[in-house]
C-alpha atoms as a PDB file:
ATOM      1  CA  UNK A   1       0.000   0.000   0.000  1.00  0.00           C
ATOM      2  CA  UNK A   2       2.937   2.344   0.555  1.00  0.00           C
ATOM      3  CA  UNK A   3       3.771   2.222  -3.166  1.00  0.00           C
ATOM      4  CA  UNK A   4       0.565   4.191  -3.813  1.00  0.00           C
ATOM      5  CA  UNK A   5       2.116   7.146  -1.969  1.00  0.00           C
ATOM      6  CA  UNK A   6       4.898   7.141  -4.571  1.00  0.00           C
ATOM      7  CA  UNK A   7       2.923   6.324  -7.721  1.00  0.00           C
ATOM      8  CA  UNK A   8       0.123   8.865  -7.261  1.00  0.00           C
ATOM      9  CA  UNK A   9       2.467  11.912  -7.115  1.00  0.00           C
ATOM     10  CA  UNK A  10       4.421  10.565 -10.094  1.00  0.00           C
ATOM     11  CA  UNK A  11       1.184  10.151 -12.064  1.00  0.00           C
ATOM     12  CA  UNK A  12       0.099  13.674 -11.148  1.00  0.00           C
ATOM     13  CA  UNK A  13       3.506  14.990 -12.242  1.00  0.00           C
ATOM     14  CA  UNK A  14       3.184  13.236 -15.613  1.00  0.00           C
ATOM     15  CA  UNK A  15      -0.293  14.703 -16.125  1.00  0.00           C
ATOM     16  CA  UNK A  16       0.948  18.195 -15.306  1.00  0.00           C
ATOM     17  CA  UNK A  17       3.855  17.808 -17.733  1.00  0.00           C
ATOM     18  CA  UNK A  18       1.499  16.595 -20.479  1.00  0.00           C
ATOM     19  CA  UNK A  19      -0.854  19.532 -19.901  1.00  0.00           C
ATOM     20  CA  UNK A  20       2.110  21.926 -19.964  1.00  0.00           C
ATOM     21  CA  UNK A  21       3.396  20.492 -23.241  1.00  0.00           C
ATOM     22  CA  UNK A  22      -0.081  20.716 -24.757  1.00  0.00           C
ATOM     23  CA  UNK A  23      -0.502  24.384 -23.822  1.00  0.00           C
ATOM     24  CA  UNK A  24       3.043  25.113 -25.037  1.00  0.00           C
ATOM     25  CA  UNK A  25       2.163  23.595 -28.420  1.00  0.00           C
ATOM     26  CA  UNK A  26      -1.069  25.585 -28.627  1.00  0.00           C
ATOM     27  CA  UNK A  27       0.731  28.796 -27.684  1.00  0.00           C
ATOM     28  CA  UNK A  28       3.387  28.084 -30.323  1.00  0.00           C
ATOM     29  CA  UNK A  29       0.614  27.760 -32.961  1.00  0.00           C
ATOM     30  CA  UNK A  30       1.462  24.147 -33.742  1.00  0.00           C
ATOM     31  CA  UNK A  31      -2.204  23.443 -34.454  1.00  0.00           C
ATOM     32  CA  UNK A  32      -2.999  26.581 -36.475  1.00  0.00           C
ATOM     33  CA  UNK A  33      -2.994  24.909 -39.917  1.00  0.00           C
ATOM     34  CA  UNK A  34      -3.457  21.153 -39.783  1.00  0.00           C
ATOM     35  CA  UNK A  35      -3.781  20.703 -43.554  1.00  0.00           C
ATOM     36  CA  UNK A  36      -0.521  22.437 -44.493  1.00  0.00           C
ATOM     37  CA  UNK A  37       1.722  19.458 -43.765  1.00  0.00           C
ATOM     38  CA  UNK A  38      -0.520  17.061 -45.678  1.00  0.00           C
ATOM     39  CA  UNK A  39      -0.539  19.337 -48.715  1.00  0.00           C
ATOM     40  CA  UNK A  40       3.212  19.899 -48.589  1.00  0.00           C
ATOM     41  CA  UNK A  41       3.812  16.152 -48.694  1.00  0.00           C
ATOM     42  CA  UNK A  42       1.510  15.660 -51.667  1.00  0.00           C
ATOM     43  CA  UNK A  43       2.604  18.624 -53.767  1.00  0.00           C
ATOM     44  CA  UNK A  44       6.271  19.109 -52.836  1.00  0.00           C
ATOM     45  CA  UNK A  45       7.651  17.101 -55.779  1.00  0.00           C
ATOM     46  CA  UNK A  46       5.461  18.952 -58.264  1.00  0.00           C
ATOM     47  CA  UNK A  47       6.935  22.303 -57.213  1.00  0.00           C
ATOM     48  CA  UNK A  48      10.523  21.027 -57.462  1.00  0.00           C
ATOM     49  CA  UNK A  49       9.972  19.513 -60.908  1.00  0.00           C
ATOM     50  CA  UNK A  50       8.237  22.677 -62.093  1.00  0.00           C
ATOM     51  CA  UNK A  51      11.154  24.821 -60.906  1.00  0.00           C
ATOM     52  CA  UNK A  52      13.715  22.530 -62.600  1.00  0.00           C
ATOM     53  CA  UNK A  53      11.893  22.674 -65.924  1.00  0.00           C
ATOM     54  CA  UNK A  54      11.910  26.502 -65.845  1.00  0.00           C
ATOM     55  CA  UNK A  55      15.698  26.688 -65.355  1.00  0.00           C
END
């Protein structure tokens, strides 16, 4: 039963760290444009090939 006195504060610490990281990511605008990364993966090669053909 004494292990509970150690595990509960550790669990609370982990939750506080996770909440802090989440708010840090929101403050840093990590979630401002969720579609940008998906579009950059799909259309990145097209832009590079288009630029090479213009040179």
